[in-house]
């Protein structure tokens, strides 16, 4: 059964909240403020596709971080499945961080 527009909106609103609960263990800032999440799409079946990157291709959490994102997103009501795609195009750099993240890390 396809989700209603209201249910889809509910998922969209909660995605950022969930992204803000996932932290890069090397940098004490969440993945959303770090700018690691490039895109998130929800289809009518409640499936979410998250396109994100890592701070580097050699990131020590390259296997565990995407799984954590999937698990957190799947906690959202109406989400049936989450798929995380890792990309390095464009490669992440510090300019992708929010002002809040830069402030937290003493870069402002």
C-alpha atoms as a PDB file:
ATOM      1  CA  UNK A   1       0.000   0.000   0.000  1.00  0.00           C
ATOM      2  CA  UNK A   2       1.347   3.407  -0.974  1.00  0.00           C
ATOM      3  CA  UNK A   3       1.976   5.935   1.750  1.00  0.00           C
ATOM      4  CA  UNK A   4      -0.052   9.128   1.912  1.00  0.00           C
ATOM      5  CA  UNK A   5       1.492  12.525   1.281  1.00  0.00           C
ATOM      6  CA  UNK A   6       1.186  13.223   5.013  1.00  0.00           C
ATOM      7  CA  UNK A   7       3.075  10.027   5.899  1.00  0.00           C
ATOM      8  CA  UNK A   8       5.819  10.843   3.362  1.00  0.00           C
ATOM      9  CA  UNK A   9       6.135  14.354   4.808  1.00  0.00           C
ATOM     10  CA  UNK A  10       6.411  12.842   8.280  1.00  0.00           C
ATOM     11  CA  UNK A  11       9.326  10.686   7.154  1.00  0.00           C
ATOM     12  CA  UNK A  12      11.039  13.662   5.509  1.00  0.00           C
ATOM     13  CA  UNK A  13      10.776  15.746   8.672  1.00  0.00           C
ATOM     14  CA  UNK A  14      12.265  13.001  10.827  1.00  0.00           C
ATOM     15  CA  UNK A  15      15.213  12.163   8.553  1.00  0.00           C
ATOM     16  CA  UNK A  16      17.300  15.149   9.616  1.00  0.00           C
ATOM     17  CA  UNK A  17      16.530  14.378  13.272  1.00  0.00           C
ATOM     18  CA  UNK A  18      17.881  10.841  12.783  1.00  0.00           C
ATOM     19  CA  UNK A  19      20.944  12.012  10.834  1.00  0.00           C
ATOM     20  CA  UNK A  20      21.759  14.279  13.782  1.00  0.00           C
ATOM     21  CA  UNK A  21      21.948  11.214  16.084  1.00  0.00           C
ATOM     22  CA  UNK A  22      24.749   9.580  14.067  1.00  0.00           C
ATOM     23  CA  UNK A  23      28.253  10.803  14.855  1.00  0.00           C
ATOM     24  CA  UNK A  24      31.556  10.334  13.113  1.00  0.00           C
ATOM     25  CA  UNK A  25      33.618   8.768  15.915  1.00  0.00           C
ATOM     26  CA  UNK A  26      36.762  10.660  14.909  1.00  0.00           C
ATOM     27  CA  UNK A  27      35.067  14.055  14.884  1.00  0.00           C
ATOM     28  CA  UNK A  28      32.550  14.815  17.661  1.00  0.00           C
ATOM     29  CA  UNK A  29      29.976  16.202  15.212  1.00  0.00           C
ATOM     30  CA  UNK A  30      26.953  14.497  13.670  1.00  0.00           C
ATOM     31  CA  UNK A  31      26.954  13.405  10.019  1.00  0.00           C
ATOM     32  CA  UNK A  32      24.340  16.001   9.034  1.00  0.00           C
ATOM     33  CA  UNK A  33      26.305  18.990  10.365  1.00  0.00           C
ATOM     34  CA  UNK A  34      29.503  17.536   8.873  1.00  0.00           C
ATOM     35  CA  UNK A  35      27.845  17.634   5.451  1.00  0.00           C
ATOM     36  CA  UNK A  36      28.242  13.896   4.873  1.00  0.00           C
ATOM     37  CA  UNK A  37      24.612  13.416   3.781  1.00  0.00           C
ATOM     38  CA  UNK A  38      24.218  14.474   0.163  1.00  0.00           C
ATOM     39  CA  UNK A  39      20.639  13.342  -0.509  1.00  0.00           C
ATOM     40  CA  UNK A  40      17.734  11.357   0.928  1.00  0.00           C
ATOM     41  CA  UNK A  41      14.778  10.184  -1.117  1.00  0.00           C
ATOM     42  CA  UNK A  42      11.604   8.428   0.026  1.00  0.00           C
ATOM     43  CA  UNK A  43       9.377   6.443  -2.300  1.00  0.00           C
ATOM     44  CA  UNK A  44       5.661   5.671  -1.925  1.00  0.00           C
ATOM     45  CA  UNK A  45       6.455   2.277  -0.370  1.00  0.00           C
ATOM     46  CA  UNK A  46       8.348   3.873   2.509  1.00  0.00           C
ATOM     47  CA  UNK A  47      11.787   2.949   1.218  1.00  0.00           C
ATOM     48  CA  UNK A  48      14.486   5.548   1.862  1.00  0.00           C
ATOM     49  CA  UNK A  49      17.650   5.907  -0.190  1.00  0.00           C
ATOM     50  CA  UNK A  50      20.391   7.936   1.468  1.00  0.00           C
ATOM     51  CA  UNK A  51      23.357   9.099  -0.589  1.00  0.00           C
ATOM     52  CA  UNK A  52      26.239  10.064   1.619  1.00  0.00           C
ATOM     53  CA  UNK A  53      29.990  10.202   1.795  1.00  0.00           C
ATOM     54  CA  UNK A  54      32.692   9.661   4.380  1.00  0.00           C
ATOM     55  CA  UNK A  55      35.376  12.081   5.503  1.00  0.00           C
ATOM     56  CA  UNK A  56      37.897   9.976   3.577  1.00  0.00           C
ATOM     57  CA  UNK A  57      37.922   6.768   1.508  1.00  0.00           C
ATOM     58  CA  UNK A  58      40.074   5.181   4.241  1.00  0.00           C
ATOM     59  CA  UNK A  59      37.621   6.086   6.997  1.00  0.00           C
ATOM     60  CA  UNK A  60      37.803   3.435   9.745  1.00  0.00           C
ATOM     61  CA  UNK A  61      33.994   3.377  10.060  1.00  0.00           C
ATOM     62  CA  UNK A  62      33.380   2.818   6.346  1.00  0.00           C
ATOM     63  CA  UNK A  63      31.492  -0.382   7.083  1.00  0.00           C
ATOM     64  CA  UNK A  64      29.764   0.462  10.364  1.00  0.00           C
ATOM     65  CA  UNK A  65      28.617   4.047   9.702  1.00  0.00           C
ATOM     66  CA  UNK A  66      26.301   3.222   6.754  1.00  0.00           C
ATOM     67  CA  UNK A  67      24.757   0.398   8.813  1.00  0.00           C
ATOM     68  CA  UNK A  68      24.148   2.771  11.696  1.00  0.00           C
ATOM     69  CA  UNK A  69      22.447   5.237   9.325  1.00  0.00           C
ATOM     70  CA  UNK A  70      20.233   2.443   7.947  1.00  0.00           C
ATOM     71  CA  UNK A  71      19.252   1.322  11.443  1.00  0.00           C
ATOM     72  CA  UNK A  72      18.435   4.836  12.657  1.00  0.00           C
ATOM     73  CA  UNK A  73      16.372   5.682   9.559  1.00  0.00           C
ATOM     74  CA  UNK A  74      14.468   2.401   9.815  1.00  0.00           C
ATOM     75  CA  UNK A  75      13.339   3.473  13.310  1.00  0.00           C
ATOM     76  CA  UNK A  76      11.173   6.181  11.688  1.00  0.00           C
ATOM     77  CA  UNK A  77       7.480   5.376  11.523  1.00  0.00           C
ATOM     78  CA  UNK A  78       6.343   4.325   8.009  1.00  0.00           C
ATOM     79  CA  UNK A  79       9.898   3.587   6.804  1.00  0.00           C
ATOM     80  CA  UNK A  80       9.984   0.036   5.470  1.00  0.00           C
ATOM     81  CA  UNK A  81      13.650  -0.123   4.425  1.00  0.00           C
ATOM     82  CA  UNK A  82      16.669   2.150   4.175  1.00  0.00           C
ATOM     83  CA  UNK A  83      19.456   1.802   1.649  1.00  0.00           C
ATOM     84  CA  UNK A  84      22.664   3.782   2.031  1.00  0.00           C
ATOM     85  CA  UNK A  85      24.828   4.494  -0.986  1.00  0.00           C
ATOM     86  CA  UNK A  86      28.345   5.735  -0.311  1.00  0.00           C
ATOM     87  CA  UNK A  87      29.849   8.053  -2.895  1.00  0.00           C
ATOM     88  CA  UNK A  88      33.051  10.051  -3.111  1.00  0.00           C
ATOM     89  CA  UNK A  89      31.783  12.296  -5.886  1.00  0.00           C
ATOM     90  CA  UNK A  90      32.123  15.032  -4.904  1.00  0.00           C
ATOM     91  CA  UNK A  91      34.765  14.243  -2.317  1.00  0.00           C
ATOM     92  CA  UNK A  92      34.031  15.607   1.142  1.00  0.00           C
ATOM     93  CA  UNK A  93      35.955  18.610   2.363  1.00  0.00           C
ATOM     94  CA  UNK A  94      35.713  20.930   5.343  1.00  0.00           C
ATOM     95  CA  UNK A  95      33.766  23.535   3.370  1.00  0.00           C
ATOM     96  CA  UNK A  96      30.775  21.152   3.413  1.00  0.00           C
ATOM     97  CA  UNK A  97      30.421  21.483   7.187  1.00  0.00           C
ATOM     98  CA  UNK A  98      27.742  23.717   8.625  1.00  0.00           C
ATOM     99  CA  UNK A  99      28.694  26.875  10.498  1.00  0.00           C
ATOM    100  CA  UNK A 100      27.605  25.077  13.684  1.00  0.00           C
ATOM    101  CA  UNK A 101      30.035  22.211  13.024  1.00  0.00           C
ATOM    102  CA  UNK A 102      32.874  24.595  12.244  1.00  0.00           C
ATOM    103  CA  UNK A 103      32.154  26.503  15.452  1.00  0.00           C
ATOM    104  CA  UNK A 104      32.077  23.272  17.506  1.00  0.00           C
ATOM    105  CA  UNK A 105      35.444  22.276  16.094  1.00  0.00           C
ATOM    106  CA  UNK A 106      36.979  25.713  16.704  1.00  0.00           C
ATOM    107  CA  UNK A 107      37.326  26.510  13.018  1.00  0.00           C
ATOM    108  CA  UNK A 108      35.531  29.870  13.180  1.00  0.00           C
END
